[in-house]
Amino acid sequence: MTTSTTLVFLCDLQSKFRSVINEYDHVVATTNKMLKLAKLFELPVLVTTQNAKALGPVDPDVDLASLGPLHRQTIDKTLFSMLIPEVQKLVAELGTTSIVLMGIESHICILQTALALVKQPWISEIYVVADAVSSCNAFEVPIALDAMRHAGVKVLTSESIGFLLMRDASLPTFREFTRIIRESKGDTKAAGEALFRKSAL
């Protein structure tokens, strides 16, 4: 994974789903951690909503404003996969080869997006942030993650992906990186324990 060719996908994290998604608040907390890392590494972030007219905008607790111009676009969709024509166009313009994927729901939009990305010859690596995805039913999550793994998707934690992006402790961004990791340590632990206490990844 190289920062110059990596794009972050945030899928359908809308407040309308707060009451129905398993451990929703933990997904939001990990998402905000990943957005801090995206800002640090200057990764563009592409956001989708699912039928915003009926289901509303992105949850205001998701700190997209902090990204500034790195938040490239929020695109509404009705297709479950994020890989609609507008998204494909932006991905091509950015020269993207790696995707970091997070959001909801694991077994629907995340799964269908990951499976669609696997088929794209210009994408070499797809990473799903395991502690930044969930579904209405907790049992759906490990099944979906397992299916994605078998399709060639890398399922990793937010911390693992962060260190893959960081690569080298001698780089000037390392101090800020460690601050983000340290300050989010409690939320990261809580998210992992909440999301995966009933089943192993």
Protein backbone atom coordinates (compact mmCIF):
# COMPACT_ATOMS: atom_id res chain seq x y z
CA MET A 1 0.00 0.00 0.00
CA THR A 2 1.39 3.38 -1.00
CA THR A 3 -0.16 6.61 0.22
CA SER A 4 0.02 8.27 -3.20
CA THR A 5 -2.30 5.71 -4.81
CA THR A 6 -4.62 4.84 -1.90
CA LEU A 7 -8.22 6.03 -1.66
CA VAL A 8 -10.51 5.65 1.37
CA PHE A 9 -14.11 4.57 0.76
CA LEU A 10 -16.68 5.39 3.45
CA CYS A 11 -19.95 3.61 2.79
CA ASP A 12 -23.38 4.78 3.94
CA LEU A 13 -22.65 5.74 7.55
CA GLN A 14 -25.92 7.63 8.01
CA SER A 15 -27.47 8.52 11.37
CA LYS A 16 -30.77 6.94 10.28
CA PHE A 17 -29.05 3.60 10.90
CA ARG A 18 -27.84 4.44 14.42
CA SER A 19 -30.63 2.55 16.20
CA VAL A 20 -30.39 -0.61 14.09
CA ILE A 21 -26.68 -1.25 13.42
CA ASN A 22 -24.86 -3.44 15.92
CA GLU A 23 -22.34 -1.34 17.91
CA TYR A 24 -22.88 1.65 15.63
CA ASP A 25 -21.09 4.12 17.91
CA HIS A 26 -17.92 2.02 17.83
CA VAL A 27 -18.01 2.03 14.03
CA VAL A 28 -18.24 5.83 14.09
CA ALA A 29 -15.33 6.08 16.55
CA THR A 30 -13.08 3.88 14.40
CA THR A 31 -14.15 5.75 11.29
CA ASN A 32 -13.05 9.03 12.86
CA LYS A 33 -9.72 7.45 13.77
CA MET A 34 -9.28 6.39 10.15
CA LEU A 35 -10.19 9.88 8.95
CA LYS A 36 -7.44 11.33 11.16
CA LEU A 37 -5.01 8.90 9.57
CA ALA A 38 -6.31 9.81 6.11
CA LYS A 39 -5.61 13.46 6.87
CA LEU A 40 -2.14 12.66 8.20
CA PHE A 41 -1.20 10.66 5.11
CA GLU A 42 -3.11 12.95 2.72
CA LEU A 43 -5.38 10.20 1.47
CA PRO A 44 -8.46 11.29 -0.46
CA VAL A 45 -11.76 10.12 1.00
CA LEU A 46 -14.83 9.26 -1.05
CA VAL A 47 -18.16 8.97 0.75
CA THR A 48 -21.48 7.49 -0.31
CA THR A 49 -24.97 7.62 1.10
CA GLN A 50 -27.71 5.11 0.42
CA ASN A 51 -30.86 6.82 -0.87
CA ALA A 52 -30.31 9.98 1.16
CA LYS A 53 -33.75 11.31 0.27
CA ALA A 54 -35.27 8.57 2.43
CA LEU A 55 -32.39 7.73 4.79
CA GLY A 56 -30.79 11.10 5.38
CA PRO A 57 -27.23 12.44 5.16
CA VAL A 58 -23.97 11.15 6.59
CA ASP A 59 -24.03 11.08 10.38
CA PRO A 60 -22.83 14.48 11.64
CA ASP A 61 -20.68 12.67 14.23
CA VAL A 62 -18.47 11.52 11.34
CA ASP A 63 -15.81 14.23 11.17
CA LEU A 64 -15.64 14.80 7.43
CA ALA A 65 -15.15 18.54 7.90
CA SER A 66 -11.67 17.97 9.34
CA LEU A 67 -10.51 16.54 6.02
CA GLY A 68 -10.93 19.75 4.05
CA PRO A 69 -10.27 19.11 0.34
CA LEU A 70 -9.28 15.50 1.04
CA HIS A 71 -13.03 14.82 1.32
CA ARG A 72 -13.39 14.58 -2.43
CA GLN A 73 -17.10 13.99 -2.70
CA THR A 74 -20.21 12.55 -1.10
CA ILE A 75 -22.24 10.71 -3.71
CA ASP A 76 -25.75 9.39 -3.22
CA LYS A 77 -26.63 5.99 -4.65
CA THR A 78 -29.33 3.36 -4.79
CA LEU A 79 -27.06 0.54 -5.93
CA PHE A 80 -25.77 -1.42 -2.95
CA SER A 81 -22.19 -1.43 -4.27
CA MET A 82 -20.30 1.85 -4.05
CA LEU A 83 -18.81 1.21 -7.47
CA ILE A 84 -21.27 3.33 -9.43
CA PRO A 85 -20.12 5.26 -12.56
CA GLU A 86 -19.44 8.52 -10.68
CA VAL A 87 -17.21 6.66 -8.22
CA GLN A 88 -15.40 4.76 -10.96
CA LYS A 89 -14.68 8.07 -12.72
CA LEU A 90 -13.13 9.63 -9.62
CA VAL A 91 -11.08 6.51 -8.87
CA ALA A 92 -9.68 6.59 -12.40
CA GLU A 93 -8.88 10.31 -12.19
CA LEU A 94 -6.93 9.77 -8.95
CA GLY A 95 -4.89 6.86 -10.32
CA THR A 96 -6.00 4.69 -7.43
CA THR A 97 -4.56 1.19 -7.02
CA SER A 98 -5.45 0.54 -3.34
CA ILE A 99 -8.78 0.98 -1.58
CA VAL A 100 -9.43 1.16 2.17
CA LEU A 101 -13.08 0.33 2.74
CA MET A 102 -15.26 0.96 5.81
CA GLY A 103 -18.89 1.61 6.71
CA ILE A 104 -22.12 -0.38 6.66
CA GLU A 105 -23.56 -2.89 6.19
CA SER A 106 -20.90 -5.59 6.21
CA HIS A 107 -22.96 -8.22 4.42
CA ILE A 108 -24.62 -5.92 1.89
CA CYS A 109 -22.96 -2.72 0.68
CA ILE A 110 -19.47 -3.47 2.02
CA LEU A 111 -19.50 -7.01 0.64
CA GLN A 112 -20.88 -5.99 -2.75
CA THR A 113 -18.41 -3.10 -3.02
CA ALA A 114 -15.47 -5.36 -2.16
CA LEU A 115 -16.55 -8.04 -4.63
CA ALA A 116 -17.00 -5.42 -7.36
CA LEU A 117 -13.56 -3.95 -6.66
CA VAL A 118 -11.90 -7.37 -6.87
CA LYS A 119 -13.01 -7.55 -10.51
CA GLN A 120 -11.36 -4.24 -11.44
CA PRO A 121 -7.95 -4.73 -13.13
CA TRP A 122 -6.73 -1.31 -11.99
CA ILE A 123 -7.19 -2.15 -8.28
CA SER A 124 -4.39 -4.27 -6.86
CA GLU A 125 -5.25 -4.20 -3.15
CA ILE A 126 -8.49 -3.88 -1.18
CA TYR A 127 -8.41 -3.47 2.58
CA VAL A 128 -11.52 -3.70 4.75
CA VAL A 129 -11.23 -2.06 8.17
CA ALA A 130 -12.62 -4.82 10.40
CA ASP A 131 -13.33 -2.54 13.37
CA ALA A 132 -15.05 0.07 11.17
CA VAL A 133 -17.74 -2.14 9.63
CA SER A 134 -20.91 -3.67 11.05
CA SER A 135 -24.41 -4.88 10.25
CA CYS A 136 -27.85 -4.94 11.83
CA ASN A 137 -27.26 -8.52 12.96
CA ALA A 138 -23.91 -9.25 14.60
CA PHE A 139 -23.74 -12.75 13.12
CA GLU A 140 -23.67 -11.34 9.59
CA VAL A 141 -20.31 -9.64 10.08
CA PRO A 142 -17.88 -12.59 10.36
CA ILE A 143 -19.63 -14.43 7.54
CA ALA A 144 -19.28 -11.41 5.24
CA LEU A 145 -15.65 -10.81 6.24
CA ASP A 146 -14.86 -14.46 5.58
CA ALA A 147 -16.43 -14.24 2.11
CA MET A 148 -14.36 -11.15 1.35
CA ARG A 149 -11.17 -12.85 2.48
CA HIS A 150 -11.86 -15.78 0.20
CA ALA A 151 -12.32 -13.33 -2.69
CA GLY A 152 -8.84 -11.87 -2.09
CA VAL A 153 -9.70 -8.88 0.11
CA LYS A 154 -7.39 -8.12 3.04
CA VAL A 155 -9.41 -7.84 6.26
CA LEU A 156 -7.35 -5.95 8.85
CA THR A 157 -7.84 -3.76 11.90
CA SER A 158 -7.58 0.02 11.86
CA GLU A 159 -4.26 -0.19 13.69
CA SER A 160 -2.77 -2.69 11.23
CA ILE A 161 -3.80 -0.54 8.28
CA GLY A 162 -2.42 2.54 10.02
CA PHE A 163 0.98 0.92 10.45
CA LEU A 164 0.97 -0.29 6.84
CA LEU A 165 0.47 3.33 5.78
CA MET A 166 3.13 4.58 8.22
CA ARG A 167 5.74 1.99 7.12
CA ASP A 168 8.77 3.56 8.78
CA ALA A 169 9.29 5.01 12.28
CA SER A 170 11.98 7.36 10.96
CA LEU A 171 9.54 9.35 8.82
CA PRO A 172 8.57 12.84 10.01
CA THR A 173 4.89 11.91 10.31
CA PHE A 174 5.62 9.21 12.91
CA ARG A 175 5.23 11.47 15.94
CA GLU A 176 1.75 12.61 14.88
CA PHE A 177 0.91 9.04 13.92
CA THR A 178 1.79 7.72 17.38
CA ARG A 179 -0.27 10.51 18.96
CA ILE A 180 -3.35 9.43 16.97
CA ILE A 181 -2.78 5.78 17.87
CA ARG A 182 -2.23 6.62 21.54
CA GLU A 183 -5.26 8.91 21.83
CA SER A 184 -7.55 6.38 20.14
CA LYS A 185 -6.24 3.39 22.10
CA GLY A 186 -9.25 3.20 24.43
CA ASP A 187 -11.78 3.52 21.61
CA THR A 188 -9.90 0.95 19.53
CA LYS A 189 -9.89 -1.58 22.34
CA ALA A 190 -13.57 -0.96 23.11
CA ALA A 191 -14.54 -1.31 19.45
CA GLY A 192 -12.66 -4.57 19.05
CA GLU A 193 -14.12 -6.07 22.19
CA ALA A 194 -17.65 -4.93 21.35
CA LEU A 195 -17.65 -5.94 17.71
CA PHE A 196 -15.86 -9.25 18.02
CA ARG A 197 -16.59 -10.57 21.51
CA LYS A 198 -19.09 -13.14 20.18
CA SER A 199 -17.10 -14.48 17.25
CA ALA A 200 -13.53 -14.67 16.10
CA LEU A 201 -12.43 -12.95 12.92
